[in-house]
Amino acid sequence: MSADASPPPNRVLADLFVRTRAQEAALVLGAALCTALFAQVAISVPGSPVPITGQTLAVVLTAAALGPGRGVAAQLAYLLLGVVGLPFYAKAASGWGALVGPTGGYLVGFLPAAFLVGLAARRAYDRRPRTAVPLFLGGQLVILVIGVCWLHVVASLDFATAFHKGFVPFIPGGLLKAALAGLVSSLAWRLVRAREA
């Protein structure tokens, strides 16, 4: 394979390494734990019940690496582990109340975001920065839109206030995380191409 060649577009990074069901399960659990770890990077936003966290970075990166099915499974595992009491949500929160509270929409948004990012990664959109950065930004936008709609209903805020408290403060971080994820993902694929050359 030449240095410019690329693995087939229907493969994601995990497909290059998974050989058994046990390895697949380990990757899914690892992605859930990665999301839990990144959730602990949390910065309070004055006047908002929603903190800025590293979760969305973990969601988009792991979804791209795992693909749609495994990506959704990883985020579902993350949500369930938090619901049963493990301190996996932002600021070590856990339990059903955290999932159905004001920030619950963002957590639920991890599922469609993981599916869509994983699906796009199967079509090789995560392999080069010019397509990866918009992909990862789009994944975060899915989470934010669902989160704002949930915040609007659960916190009984008018939509403009919910948007101001639950979307606007996250724009700079979202752009930064999309750029970082795009760089990491494209570098990973560059290493794969070099290895397979």
Protein backbone atom coordinates (compact mmCIF):
# COMPACT_ATOMS: atom_id res chain seq x y z
CA MET A 1 0.00 0.00 0.00
CA SER A 2 1.40 3.43 -0.90
CA ALA A 3 1.93 6.19 1.64
CA ASP A 4 -1.04 8.08 0.16
CA ALA A 5 -3.34 5.09 0.33
CA SER A 6 -5.98 4.89 3.00
CA PRO A 7 -7.86 2.01 4.62
CA PRO A 8 -11.29 1.42 3.05
CA PRO A 9 -13.76 4.19 3.92
CA ASN A 10 -16.21 1.88 5.69
CA ARG A 11 -13.72 1.13 8.47
CA VAL A 12 -13.22 3.01 11.72
CA LEU A 13 -10.12 2.90 13.90
CA ALA A 14 -11.54 0.18 16.17
CA ASP A 15 -12.02 -2.13 13.17
CA LEU A 16 -8.26 -2.20 12.71
CA PHE A 17 -7.69 -3.68 16.17
CA VAL A 18 -10.78 -5.62 17.26
CA ARG A 19 -10.55 -9.35 16.67
CA THR A 20 -12.84 -10.77 19.40
CA ARG A 21 -16.05 -9.90 21.22
CA ALA A 22 -14.04 -9.45 24.41
CA GLN A 23 -11.84 -6.83 22.73
CA GLU A 24 -14.93 -5.10 21.40
CA ALA A 25 -16.53 -5.04 24.86
CA ALA A 26 -13.29 -3.72 26.36
CA LEU A 27 -13.22 -0.85 23.85
CA VAL A 28 -16.85 0.04 24.56
CA LEU A 29 -16.24 0.01 28.32
CA GLY A 30 -13.02 1.97 27.83
CA ALA A 31 -14.91 4.64 25.89
CA ALA A 32 -17.52 4.86 28.66
CA LEU A 33 -14.77 5.26 31.25
CA CYS A 34 -13.05 7.87 29.05
CA THR A 35 -16.28 9.89 29.01
CA ALA A 36 -16.54 9.55 32.79
CA LEU A 37 -12.97 10.76 33.21
CA PHE A 38 -13.44 13.74 30.89
CA ALA A 39 -16.67 14.60 32.76
CA GLN A 40 -14.58 15.42 35.81
CA VAL A 41 -12.96 18.28 33.88
CA ALA A 42 -15.78 20.66 34.76
CA ILE A 43 -15.97 24.43 34.98
CA SER A 44 -19.05 26.11 36.44
CA VAL A 45 -20.79 28.68 34.27
CA PRO A 46 -22.12 31.61 36.35
CA GLY A 47 -25.90 31.70 36.22
CA SER A 48 -26.21 28.36 34.44
CA PRO A 49 -26.93 24.90 35.86
CA VAL A 50 -24.82 23.42 33.07
CA PRO A 51 -21.03 23.26 33.52
CA ILE A 52 -18.46 23.28 30.75
CA THR A 53 -16.96 19.79 30.68
CA GLY A 54 -14.68 17.59 28.63
CA GLN A 55 -17.48 15.08 28.03
CA THR A 56 -18.38 16.19 24.52
CA LEU A 57 -14.75 15.84 23.44
CA ALA A 58 -14.77 12.25 24.71
CA VAL A 59 -18.12 11.54 23.03
CA VAL A 60 -17.07 12.66 19.56
CA LEU A 61 -13.59 11.15 19.69
CA THR A 62 -14.72 7.76 20.94
CA ALA A 63 -17.67 7.67 18.53
CA ALA A 64 -15.37 8.32 15.58
CA ALA A 65 -12.96 5.65 16.75
CA LEU A 66 -15.65 3.05 17.47
CA GLY A 67 -18.26 3.68 14.79
CA PRO A 68 -22.01 4.17 15.26
CA GLY A 69 -22.99 0.92 17.00
CA ARG A 70 -20.10 0.72 19.43
CA GLY A 71 -20.17 4.49 19.95
CA VAL A 72 -23.82 4.44 21.04
CA ALA A 73 -23.17 1.35 23.19
CA ALA A 74 -20.32 3.17 24.94
CA GLN A 75 -22.45 6.22 25.73
CA LEU A 76 -25.37 4.06 26.82
CA ALA A 77 -23.01 2.20 29.17
CA TYR A 78 -21.76 5.56 30.47
CA LEU A 79 -25.30 6.76 31.18
CA LEU A 80 -26.34 3.50 32.85
CA LEU A 81 -23.24 3.36 35.03
CA GLY A 82 -24.00 6.88 36.21
CA VAL A 83 -27.67 6.08 36.85
CA VAL A 84 -26.81 3.10 39.08
CA GLY A 85 -24.72 5.34 41.32
CA LEU A 86 -21.17 5.50 40.01
CA PRO A 87 -19.89 9.10 40.19
CA PHE A 88 -19.48 9.35 36.43
CA TYR A 89 -21.37 12.50 35.54
CA ALA A 90 -19.90 16.01 35.73
CA LYS A 91 -18.51 16.92 39.14
CA ALA A 92 -18.87 13.28 40.26
CA ALA A 93 -22.68 13.41 40.13
CA SER A 94 -24.68 10.24 39.69
CA GLY A 95 -28.18 8.81 39.93
CA TRP A 96 -31.46 9.09 38.12
CA GLY A 97 -31.97 12.68 39.31
CA ALA A 98 -28.88 13.85 37.43
CA LEU A 99 -30.12 12.18 34.25
CA VAL A 100 -33.59 13.73 34.35
CA GLY A 101 -32.53 17.11 35.78
CA PRO A 102 -31.58 20.30 33.91
CA THR A 103 -28.40 18.79 32.46
CA GLY A 104 -30.06 15.52 31.44
CA GLY A 105 -30.70 16.61 27.88
CA TYR A 106 -27.00 17.03 27.26
CA LEU A 107 -26.38 13.52 28.57
CA VAL A 108 -29.18 12.03 26.46
CA GLY A 109 -27.79 13.97 23.49
CA PHE A 110 -24.63 11.87 23.70
CA LEU A 111 -26.53 8.96 22.10
CA PRO A 112 -27.61 10.56 18.78
CA ALA A 113 -24.32 12.49 18.62
CA ALA A 114 -22.33 9.26 18.99
CA PHE A 115 -24.43 7.58 16.32
CA LEU A 116 -24.13 10.42 13.80
CA VAL A 117 -20.40 10.99 14.36
CA GLY A 118 -19.74 7.24 14.21
CA LEU A 119 -21.76 6.96 11.00
CA ALA A 120 -19.82 9.81 9.41
CA ALA A 121 -16.54 8.23 10.55
CA ARG A 122 -17.56 5.06 8.70
CA ARG A 123 -17.61 7.28 5.62
CA ALA A 124 -14.09 8.54 6.41
CA TYR A 125 -15.05 12.06 7.49
CA ASP A 126 -12.78 11.80 10.53
CA ARG A 127 -9.58 11.19 8.57
CA ARG A 128 -8.59 14.71 7.54
CA PRO A 129 -8.88 17.98 9.49
CA ARG A 130 -10.94 19.72 6.80
CA THR A 131 -13.76 17.20 7.26
CA ALA A 132 -13.06 16.04 10.83
CA VAL A 133 -13.33 19.46 12.49
CA PRO A 134 -16.81 20.21 11.04
CA LEU A 135 -17.89 16.66 11.88
CA PHE A 136 -16.86 16.99 15.51
CA LEU A 137 -18.38 20.44 15.76
CA GLY A 138 -21.62 19.03 14.36
CA GLY A 139 -21.60 16.25 16.96
CA GLN A 140 -21.30 18.79 19.74
CA LEU A 141 -24.07 20.91 18.22
CA VAL A 142 -26.41 17.91 18.36
CA ILE A 143 -25.69 17.59 22.08
CA LEU A 144 -26.16 21.31 22.71
CA VAL A 145 -29.43 21.57 20.78
CA ILE A 146 -30.98 18.63 22.63
CA GLY A 147 -29.60 19.97 25.90
CA VAL A 148 -31.05 23.44 25.38
CA CYS A 149 -34.48 22.06 24.48
CA TRP A 150 -34.41 19.86 27.60
CA LEU A 151 -33.24 22.78 29.76
CA HIS A 152 -36.07 24.93 28.38
CA VAL A 153 -38.66 22.35 29.49
CA VAL A 154 -37.18 20.96 32.72
CA ALA A 155 -35.97 24.25 34.19
CA SER A 156 -39.12 26.12 33.03
CA LEU A 157 -37.04 28.73 31.21
CA ASP A 158 -38.17 30.63 28.16
CA PHE A 159 -36.26 29.44 25.11
CA ALA A 160 -34.13 32.61 24.80
CA THR A 161 -32.96 32.26 28.41
CA ALA A 162 -32.29 28.55 27.98
CA PHE A 163 -30.28 29.32 24.85
CA HIS A 164 -28.33 32.05 26.63
CA LYS A 165 -27.57 29.79 29.64
CA GLY A 166 -27.20 26.45 27.89
CA PHE A 167 -25.72 27.17 24.48
CA VAL A 168 -23.91 30.50 24.16
CA PRO A 169 -21.29 29.87 26.90
CA PHE A 170 -20.29 26.61 25.21
CA ILE A 171 -19.48 27.98 21.75
CA PRO A 172 -15.76 28.79 22.36
CA GLY A 173 -15.13 25.46 24.07
CA GLY A 174 -17.02 23.62 21.35
CA LEU A 175 -14.85 25.16 18.66
CA LEU A 176 -11.69 24.35 20.60
CA LYS A 177 -12.76 20.76 21.26
CA ALA A 178 -13.73 20.25 17.60
CA ALA A 179 -10.31 21.48 16.48
CA LEU A 180 -8.54 19.30 19.04
CA ALA A 181 -10.60 16.22 18.13
CA GLY A 182 -10.00 16.85 14.44
CA LEU A 183 -6.26 17.05 15.02
CA VAL A 184 -6.15 13.89 17.17
CA SER A 185 -8.32 11.88 14.78
CA SER A 186 -6.44 12.90 11.64
CA LEU A 187 -3.08 12.19 13.32
CA ALA A 188 -4.31 8.73 14.34
CA TRP A 189 -5.29 7.98 10.74
CA ARG A 190 -1.96 9.30 9.49
CA LEU A 191 -0.23 6.82 11.78
CA VAL A 192 -2.46 4.03 10.45
CA ARG A 193 -1.64 4.92 6.86
CA ALA A 194 2.06 5.02 7.66
CA ARG A 195 1.87 1.63 9.37
CA GLU A 196 0.00 0.05 6.46
CA ALA A 197 2.25 1.60 3.80
